[in-house]
N, C-alpha and C. Protein backbone atom coordinates (compact mmCIF):
# COMPACT_ATOMS: atom_id res chain seq x y z
N MET A 1 115.15 101.07 103.61
CA MET A 1 115.07 100.13 105.06
C MET A 1 113.77 99.41 104.46
N ALA A 2 114.13 98.00 103.86
CA ALA A 2 113.87 96.39 103.62
C ALA A 2 113.25 96.42 105.38
N VAL A 3 112.06 95.95 105.20
CA VAL A 3 111.52 95.97 106.90
C VAL A 3 110.83 93.53 106.95
N VAL A 4 111.12 93.22 107.55
CA VAL A 4 110.63 91.78 107.51
C VAL A 4 109.41 91.64 109.21
N ILE A 5 108.97 90.67 108.67
CA ILE A 5 108.70 90.25 109.70
C ILE A 5 109.19 88.44 109.70
N ARG A 6 109.52 88.31 110.83
CA ARG A 6 110.60 86.64 111.13
C ARG A 6 110.44 86.78 112.40
N LEU A 7 111.10 85.15 112.91
CA LEU A 7 111.05 84.56 114.02
C LEU A 7 112.63 84.83 114.71
N ALA A 8 112.75 85.47 116.14
CA ALA A 8 113.96 85.89 116.86
C ALA A 8 113.47 84.39 118.11
N ARG A 9 114.81 83.74 117.20
CA ARG A 9 115.46 82.84 118.80
C ARG A 9 114.98 83.05 120.29
N PHE A 10 114.58 82.71 121.49
CA PHE A 10 115.26 82.89 122.49
C PHE A 10 114.31 81.53 123.47
N GLY A 11 114.58 81.63 125.65
CA GLY A 11 114.45 80.23 125.94
C GLY A 11 116.06 79.79 125.70
N THR A 12 115.48 78.35 126.25
CA THR A 12 117.06 77.72 126.72
C THR A 12 116.98 76.47 125.25
N LYS A 13 118.62 75.51 125.86
CA LYS A 13 119.58 74.94 124.91
C LYS A 13 117.45 74.12 124.05
N HIS A 14 117.34 73.22 125.11
CA HIS A 14 116.54 72.07 124.94
C HIS A 14 114.61 72.59 124.53
N ALA A 15 114.33 74.22 124.68
CA ALA A 15 113.35 73.99 124.89
C ALA A 15 113.34 75.45 123.81
N PRO A 16 113.08 75.71 122.71
CA PRO A 16 113.40 77.05 121.83
C PRO A 16 111.81 77.50 121.89
N LYS A 17 111.73 78.24 121.59
CA LYS A 17 110.83 79.94 121.37
C LYS A 17 111.33 80.84 121.35
N TYR A 18 110.10 81.30 120.20
CA TYR A 18 110.40 82.49 119.12
C TYR A 18 109.75 83.48 119.22
N ARG A 19 110.35 84.84 119.49
CA ARG A 19 109.69 86.29 119.29
C ARG A 19 108.87 86.44 118.04
N ILE A 20 107.78 86.67 117.37
CA ILE A 20 107.94 87.03 116.43
C ILE A 20 107.83 88.81 116.37
N THR A 21 109.03 89.46 115.23
CA THR A 21 109.28 90.57 115.51
C THR A 21 109.61 91.12 114.11
N VAL A 22 109.65 92.57 114.12
CA VAL A 22 109.16 93.41 113.23
C VAL A 22 110.42 94.03 112.69
N ALA A 23 111.60 93.29 111.47
CA ALA A 23 112.67 94.01 112.52
C ALA A 23 113.73 94.52 110.93
N ASP A 24 114.27 95.19 110.59
CA ASP A 24 115.12 95.41 109.40
C ASP A 24 115.72 93.87 108.85
N GLN A 25 116.43 94.02 107.37
CA GLN A 25 116.29 92.94 107.06
C GLN A 25 118.05 92.13 107.11
N ARG A 26 118.28 94.15 107.12
CA ARG A 26 119.81 93.43 107.30
C ARG A 26 120.80 93.18 108.72
N ARG A 27 120.22 93.78 109.70
CA ARG A 27 120.34 93.43 110.91
C ARG A 27 121.00 91.84 111.70
N TYR A 28 120.98 91.45 112.02
CA TYR A 28 120.67 89.36 112.47
C TYR A 28 118.94 89.19 113.19
N ALA A 29 119.23 87.75 113.13
CA ALA A 29 117.35 87.70 113.39
C ALA A 29 116.99 88.20 115.23
N THR A 30 118.37 87.81 115.65
CA THR A 30 118.35 87.88 116.78
C THR A 30 118.49 90.11 117.33
N SER A 31 119.53 90.05 117.46
CA SER A 31 119.76 92.41 116.76
C SER A 31 118.74 92.64 116.95
N LYS A 32 118.33 94.56 117.32
CA LYS A 32 117.25 95.02 117.03
C LYS A 32 116.26 94.75 116.57
N TYR A 33 115.24 94.31 117.29
CA TYR A 33 113.90 95.00 116.36
C TYR A 33 113.40 96.41 116.61
N LEU A 34 111.99 96.01 115.49
CA LEU A 34 111.17 97.36 115.72
C LEU A 34 110.01 97.02 116.94
N GLU A 35 109.83 96.16 116.80
CA GLU A 35 108.47 95.60 116.96
C GLU A 35 108.29 94.50 117.81
N ILE A 36 107.65 93.97 118.97
CA ILE A 36 107.52 92.15 118.97
C ILE A 36 105.67 92.31 118.15
N LEU A 37 105.23 91.47 118.14
CA LEU A 37 104.77 90.94 117.29
C LEU A 37 103.65 90.14 118.57
N GLY A 38 104.86 89.07 119.10
CA GLY A 38 104.44 87.19 119.64
C GLY A 38 105.12 86.64 119.08
N VAL A 39 104.13 86.03 119.98
CA VAL A 39 105.35 84.57 120.26
C VAL A 39 104.56 83.89 119.79
N TYR A 40 105.72 82.44 118.92
CA TYR A 40 105.79 81.39 118.57
C TYR A 40 106.34 80.29 119.86
N ILE A 41 105.74 78.78 119.71
CA ILE A 41 106.47 77.94 120.72
C ILE A 41 106.28 76.28 120.74
N PRO A 42 106.32 76.19 119.86
CA PRO A 42 107.67 75.16 118.88
C PRO A 42 106.21 73.20 120.11
N THR A 43 106.92 73.37 120.76
CA THR A 43 106.03 72.88 121.98
C THR A 43 105.54 73.22 123.74
N PRO A 44 104.33 73.88 123.20
CA PRO A 44 103.08 74.25 124.70
C PRO A 44 102.88 73.14 125.56
N GLN A 45 103.39 73.87 126.59
CA GLN A 45 103.46 72.19 127.56
C GLN A 45 102.03 73.00 129.02
N GLY A 46 101.55 72.66 129.54
CA GLY A 46 100.28 73.04 129.61
C GLY A 46 99.46 74.12 129.28
N ASN A 47 99.21 74.96 129.95
CA ASN A 47 98.50 75.88 129.90
C ASN A 47 99.13 76.40 128.62
N ASP A 48 99.56 77.11 127.89
CA ASP A 48 100.81 77.87 126.66
C ASP A 48 100.30 77.64 125.74
N LYS A 49 99.97 78.14 124.94
CA LYS A 49 99.38 78.80 122.72
C LYS A 49 100.40 79.01 122.32
N LYS A 50 100.13 77.40 121.79
CA LYS A 50 101.44 77.35 120.27
C LYS A 50 101.58 78.45 120.02
N VAL A 51 100.42 79.48 118.77
CA VAL A 51 101.26 81.30 118.49
C VAL A 51 99.95 82.12 119.08
N VAL A 52 100.99 83.12 119.96
CA VAL A 52 99.91 84.07 120.35
C VAL A 52 100.61 84.70 119.55
N MET A 53 99.57 85.97 118.48
CA MET A 53 100.25 86.68 117.73
C MET A 53 98.93 87.74 117.67
N ASP A 54 99.30 89.31 117.89
CA ASP A 54 99.27 90.60 117.39
C ASP A 54 98.48 90.58 115.76
N MET A 55 97.72 90.17 115.64
CA MET A 55 96.79 90.14 114.07
C MET A 55 96.28 92.09 113.23
N GLU A 56 96.13 92.39 114.17
CA GLU A 56 96.20 93.94 113.95
C GLU A 56 97.27 94.45 113.72
N LYS A 57 98.43 94.57 114.23
CA LYS A 57 100.08 95.15 114.23
C LYS A 57 100.05 94.61 113.33
N ALA A 58 100.35 92.83 112.55
CA ALA A 58 100.71 92.80 111.47
C ALA A 58 100.52 92.50 110.06
N GLN A 59 99.08 92.55 110.62
CA GLN A 59 98.35 93.92 109.06
C GLN A 59 98.82 95.76 108.53
N ALA A 60 98.58 96.04 110.29
CA ALA A 60 99.51 97.03 109.67
C ALA A 60 100.61 97.19 109.54
N TRP A 61 101.91 96.37 109.15
CA TRP A 61 103.28 96.11 109.00
C TRP A 61 103.34 95.87 108.11
N ILE A 62 101.98 94.95 107.29
CA ILE A 62 102.42 93.82 106.02
C ILE A 62 101.80 95.68 104.90
N LYS A 63 100.64 96.58 105.59
CA LYS A 63 100.22 97.29 104.70
C LYS A 63 101.10 98.05 104.71
N LYS A 64 102.54 98.56 105.69
CA LYS A 64 103.64 99.45 105.35
C LYS A 64 104.63 99.39 105.05
N GLY A 65 105.07 97.99 104.05
CA GLY A 65 105.67 96.89 103.14
C GLY A 65 106.29 96.10 103.84
N ALA A 66 106.03 95.71 105.11
CA ALA A 66 106.89 94.68 105.85
C ALA A 66 106.80 93.48 105.53
N GLN A 67 107.73 92.35 104.96
CA GLN A 67 107.47 91.32 104.03
C GLN A 67 107.71 90.10 105.15
N PRO A 68 106.42 89.13 105.67
CA PRO A 68 106.11 87.84 106.32
C PRO A 68 107.53 87.18 105.60
N THR A 69 108.24 86.19 105.92
CA THR A 69 109.16 84.98 106.14
C THR A 69 107.59 84.39 105.93
N ASP A 70 108.38 83.00 105.21
CA ASP A 70 108.02 81.92 105.28
C ASP A 70 106.24 81.31 105.91
N ARG A 71 107.95 80.85 107.06
CA ARG A 71 107.33 80.69 108.37
C ARG A 71 106.57 81.14 109.02
N VAL A 72 106.36 82.98 108.96
CA VAL A 72 105.02 83.46 109.01
C VAL A 72 103.72 83.80 109.06
N LYS A 73 104.78 83.51 107.87
CA LYS A 73 102.86 83.43 107.09
C LYS A 73 102.17 81.97 107.18
N HIS A 74 102.43 80.71 107.44
CA HIS A 74 102.20 79.60 108.16
C HIS A 74 101.34 79.71 109.11
N LEU A 75 102.17 80.48 110.36
CA LEU A 75 101.73 80.83 111.13
C LEU A 75 100.71 81.72 111.50
N MET A 76 100.78 82.62 110.60
CA MET A 76 99.85 83.81 110.03
C MET A 76 98.07 82.80 109.97
N LYS A 77 98.57 82.21 109.56
CA LYS A 77 97.20 81.13 108.81
C LYS A 77 96.57 80.18 109.45
N LEU A 78 97.41 79.81 109.86
CA LEU A 78 96.62 78.87 111.87
C LEU A 78 96.35 79.17 112.55
N ILE A 79 97.22 80.77 113.48
CA ILE A 79 96.03 82.44 113.80
C ILE A 79 94.51 81.25 113.15
N GLN A 80 94.57 82.79 111.73
CA GLN A 80 93.06 82.83 110.60
C GLN A 80 92.09 81.53 111.17
N ALA A 81 92.85 80.18 110.65
CA ALA A 81 92.65 78.74 111.49
C ALA A 81 91.72 78.75 112.75
N GLY A 82 92.42 79.29 113.21
CA GLY A 82 91.76 78.55 114.88
C GLY A 82 93.10 77.63 115.88
N GLN A 83 94.00 77.46 115.20
CA GLN A 83 95.38 76.61 116.01
C GLN A 83 94.77 75.19 115.30
């Protein structure tokens, strides 16, 4: 089973939000997932943070062989840099 860390869209039509999920690569992006690692909000409003992610869980999944997508790699760099 090829495991990936990727974004799954949710939210409303003109206000997208994304869950950072661990899922089987062969499934659709919004279908069943193994675990939710965090949330990415491209246009945060008020006290919302742009990226909220559990880095310890993400590193554990990467050690197990999960491959993050390019966008998730970029988000991880943002978190490490302090957003």
